Amino acid sequence: MTKGDQKLYHQMLHGDKQALEEIYEKYEKLLYSFAIKLSGDSQLAEEVLQEVFIKIWTKKAVYEEGKGKFSSWIVTITRYTCIDLIRKRKKNTVAFEEERDEVHQETPSTENLAEWREEGASVRQAVKKLSNEQRQMVDCFYFKGMAHREIAEQCELPLGTVKGRLRLALKHLRKELHQIREKGGIHDA
């Protein structure tokens, strides 16, 4: 968490709406693009963005500095919110193909695309260094949006094994990405 993020977050926790707006302005494009990438639906992405900031403002999602970067935390909140809303829509509504065809998707800026590609390449490089088992867990959980229990059932593994492999994979990924950042491969948010 940068000093600016930390200060804004603490101000927001004490009811400062301007601080919330500044956090929103800083992260909205990243989170919106991420939600569109996960869902393929700009309306759902807007709903996700709104829900994420409501969770932050109402303190239903609370950042803990010792557990990682603020930017990683807010992206994780966005990911879970997006997956929840996708699941909710699948259960509660029947989507009409005509409505899907009318959805307008915004194109990310060239600068954002370049940054995403650079980070994506670094993440793919780091993922390649994981064991096959860990890579499978990361793919299922982060890229396919499966729950721990779903992964356990699909892979025919105990739930604890799935969670353990994911924890170990994340530990290795953090270490590898830290080394890549030190070499100048990724720029911190």
Protein backbone atom coordinates (compact mmCIF):
# COMPACT_ATOMS: atom_id res chain seq x y z
CA MET A 1 0.00 0.00 0.00
CA THR A 2 1.53 3.28 -1.00
CA LYS A 3 1.64 6.09 1.55
CA GLY A 4 -1.11 7.86 -0.43
CA ASP A 5 -3.32 4.77 -0.47
CA GLN A 6 -2.74 4.22 3.25
CA LYS A 7 -3.62 7.80 4.14
CA LEU A 8 -6.71 7.81 1.91
CA TYR A 9 -7.90 4.46 3.23
CA HIS A 10 -7.61 5.57 6.86
CA GLN A 11 -9.36 8.86 6.11
CA MET A 12 -12.14 6.93 4.38
CA LEU A 13 -12.48 4.61 7.41
CA HIS A 14 -13.20 7.73 9.47
CA GLY A 15 -16.02 8.81 7.14
CA ASP A 16 -14.12 11.02 4.66
CA LYS A 17 -16.15 10.78 1.42
CA GLN A 18 -13.50 12.73 -0.51
CA ALA A 19 -10.93 10.05 0.36
CA LEU A 20 -13.31 7.36 -0.94
CA GLU A 21 -13.73 9.36 -4.18
CA GLU A 22 -9.96 9.58 -4.59
CA ILE A 23 -9.57 5.84 -4.11
CA TYR A 24 -12.38 5.33 -6.61
CA GLU A 25 -10.73 7.62 -9.18
CA LYS A 26 -7.41 5.85 -8.75
CA TYR A 27 -8.72 2.29 -9.11
CA GLU A 28 -11.97 2.46 -11.09
CA LYS A 29 -10.45 1.88 -14.56
CA LEU A 30 -8.34 -1.05 -13.39
CA LEU A 31 -11.21 -2.69 -11.51
CA TYR A 32 -13.75 -2.05 -14.27
CA SER A 33 -11.42 -3.54 -16.90
CA PHE A 34 -10.74 -6.51 -14.64
CA ALA A 35 -14.48 -7.11 -14.04
CA ILE A 36 -15.19 -6.91 -17.79
CA LYS A 37 -12.40 -9.38 -18.46
CA LEU A 38 -13.88 -11.80 -15.91
CA SER A 39 -17.53 -11.37 -16.86
CA GLY A 40 -17.55 -10.23 -20.49
CA ASP A 41 -20.43 -7.92 -19.54
CA SER A 42 -20.05 -4.14 -19.12
CA GLN A 43 -23.30 -3.78 -17.15
CA LEU A 44 -22.22 -6.47 -14.71
CA ALA A 45 -18.78 -4.83 -14.47
CA GLU A 46 -20.44 -1.53 -13.49
CA GLU A 47 -22.50 -3.37 -10.87
CA VAL A 48 -19.35 -5.08 -9.56
CA LEU A 49 -17.53 -1.75 -9.29
CA GLN A 50 -20.42 -0.21 -7.37
CA GLU A 51 -20.68 -3.22 -5.06
CA VAL A 52 -16.92 -3.20 -4.34
CA PHE A 53 -16.93 0.43 -3.25
CA ILE A 54 -20.09 -0.06 -1.17
CA LYS A 55 -18.34 -2.93 0.63
CA ILE A 56 -15.30 -0.76 1.28
CA TRP A 57 -17.34 2.25 2.44
CA THR A 58 -19.59 0.18 4.73
CA LYS A 59 -16.56 -1.72 6.05
CA LYS A 60 -17.91 -5.10 4.92
CA ALA A 61 -14.49 -5.54 3.34
CA VAL A 62 -11.60 -4.35 5.52
CA TYR A 63 -8.00 -4.05 4.35
CA GLU A 64 -5.30 -5.37 6.68
CA GLU A 65 -1.92 -3.83 5.88
CA GLY A 66 0.10 -6.82 7.06
CA LYS A 67 -1.52 -9.15 4.56
CA GLY A 68 -0.34 -7.51 1.33
CA LYS A 69 -0.66 -4.53 -0.97
CA PHE A 70 -3.83 -2.45 -1.07
CA SER A 71 -4.02 -2.75 -4.86
CA SER A 72 -3.91 -6.56 -4.64
CA TRP A 73 -6.57 -6.54 -1.94
CA ILE A 74 -8.98 -4.35 -3.89
CA VAL A 75 -8.51 -6.48 -7.03
CA THR A 76 -9.23 -9.60 -4.96
CA ILE A 77 -12.41 -8.01 -3.56
CA THR A 78 -13.41 -7.20 -7.14
CA ARG A 79 -12.74 -10.76 -8.28
CA TYR A 80 -14.86 -12.31 -5.53
CA THR A 81 -17.65 -9.78 -6.04
CA CYS A 82 -17.67 -10.45 -9.78
CA ILE A 83 -17.79 -14.22 -9.31
CA ASP A 84 -20.62 -13.85 -6.76
CA LEU A 85 -22.67 -11.67 -9.11
CA ILE A 86 -22.06 -14.00 -12.07
CA ARG A 87 -23.25 -16.96 -9.99
CA LYS A 88 -26.24 -14.99 -8.74
CA ARG A 89 -27.25 -14.06 -12.28
CA LYS A 90 -26.93 -17.65 -13.47
CA LYS A 91 -29.26 -18.78 -10.69
CA ASN A 92 -31.82 -15.97 -10.81
CA THR A 93 -32.19 -14.87 -14.42
CA VAL A 94 -32.44 -16.19 -17.92
CA ALA A 95 -30.36 -14.02 -20.23
CA PHE A 96 -31.82 -13.22 -23.64
CA GLU A 97 -29.36 -13.36 -26.55
CA GLU A 98 -30.71 -10.06 -27.96
CA GLU A 99 -29.78 -8.26 -24.74
CA ARG A 100 -26.29 -9.72 -24.74
CA ASP A 101 -25.73 -8.52 -28.31
CA GLU A 102 -26.57 -4.95 -27.28
CA VAL A 103 -24.03 -4.78 -24.46
CA HIS A 104 -21.39 -2.16 -25.24
CA GLN A 105 -17.90 -2.94 -24.00
CA GLU A 106 -15.41 -0.15 -23.49
CA THR A 107 -11.91 -0.57 -24.86
CA PRO A 108 -9.09 -0.07 -22.34
CA SER A 109 -6.49 2.63 -23.11
CA THR A 110 -3.27 1.70 -24.87
CA GLU A 111 -1.36 2.54 -21.70
CA ASN A 112 -3.55 0.20 -19.63
CA LEU A 113 -3.21 -2.57 -22.22
CA ALA A 114 0.58 -2.26 -22.22
CA GLU A 115 0.66 -2.39 -18.42
CA TRP A 116 -1.69 -5.41 -18.32
CA ARG A 117 0.42 -7.22 -20.95
CA GLU A 118 3.62 -6.57 -19.01
CA GLU A 119 2.08 -7.73 -15.75
CA GLY A 120 0.42 -10.68 -17.49
CA ALA A 121 3.72 -11.78 -18.99
CA SER A 122 5.40 -11.57 -15.59
CA VAL A 123 2.60 -13.54 -13.91
CA ARG A 124 2.72 -16.21 -16.65
CA GLN A 125 6.50 -16.40 -16.20
CA ALA A 126 6.07 -16.84 -12.44
CA VAL A 127 3.27 -19.42 -12.84
CA LYS A 128 5.51 -21.53 -15.12
CA LYS A 129 7.89 -22.00 -12.19
CA LEU A 130 5.19 -23.62 -10.04
CA SER A 131 4.82 -27.38 -9.75
CA ASN A 132 2.16 -28.95 -12.00
CA GLU A 133 -0.14 -29.47 -9.00
CA GLN A 134 0.17 -25.85 -7.86
CA ARG A 135 -0.28 -24.57 -11.43
CA GLN A 136 -3.50 -26.59 -11.72
CA MET A 137 -4.84 -25.09 -8.46
CA VAL A 138 -3.99 -21.53 -9.57
CA ASP A 139 -5.61 -22.09 -12.96
CA CYS A 140 -8.82 -23.45 -11.45
CA PHE A 141 -9.11 -20.89 -8.66
CA TYR A 142 -7.89 -17.65 -10.23
CA PHE A 143 -8.48 -18.11 -13.94
CA LYS A 144 -11.60 -20.29 -13.94
CA GLY A 145 -13.13 -18.82 -10.79
CA MET A 146 -13.81 -22.16 -9.13
CA ALA A 147 -14.41 -22.43 -5.38
CA HIS A 148 -12.08 -24.53 -3.22
CA ARG A 149 -14.72 -27.23 -2.84
CA GLU A 150 -15.32 -27.37 -6.62
CA ILE A 151 -11.60 -27.82 -7.23
CA ALA A 152 -11.43 -30.56 -4.61
CA GLU A 153 -14.31 -32.41 -6.27
CA GLN A 154 -12.97 -31.99 -9.81
CA CYS A 155 -9.41 -33.01 -8.89
CA GLU A 156 -10.56 -35.69 -6.44
CA LEU A 157 -8.47 -34.21 -3.64
CA PRO A 158 -9.18 -33.44 0.00
CA LEU A 159 -10.25 -29.82 0.57
CA GLY A 160 -7.25 -29.22 2.85
CA THR A 161 -4.86 -30.35 0.10
CA VAL A 162 -6.41 -27.87 -2.35
CA LYS A 163 -6.12 -25.02 0.16
CA GLY A 164 -2.56 -26.01 1.06
CA ARG A 165 -1.44 -26.14 -2.57
CA LEU A 166 -3.02 -22.76 -3.26
CA ARG A 167 -1.32 -21.21 -0.21
CA LEU A 168 2.04 -22.65 -1.23
CA ALA A 169 1.52 -21.57 -4.86
CA LEU A 170 0.75 -18.00 -3.76
CA LYS A 171 3.82 -17.96 -1.53
CA HIS A 172 5.97 -19.03 -4.49
CA LEU A 173 4.26 -16.56 -6.83
CA ARG A 174 4.80 -13.65 -4.42
CA LYS A 175 8.49 -14.52 -4.12
CA GLU A 176 8.91 -14.89 -7.88
CA LEU A 177 7.00 -11.69 -8.70
CA HIS A 178 9.03 -9.81 -6.09
CA GLN A 179 12.21 -10.93 -7.85
CA ILE A 180 10.78 -9.90 -11.23
CA ARG A 181 9.83 -6.47 -9.83
CA GLU A 182 13.35 -6.01 -8.45
CA LYS A 183 14.68 -6.67 -11.94
CA GLY A 184 12.29 -4.02 -13.31
CA GLY A 185 9.77 -6.37 -14.94
CA ILE A 186 6.66 -5.01 -13.20
CA HIS A 187 5.92 -1.52 -11.94
CA ASP A 188 4.10 -1.30 -8.59
CA ALA A 189 0.64 0.30 -8.60
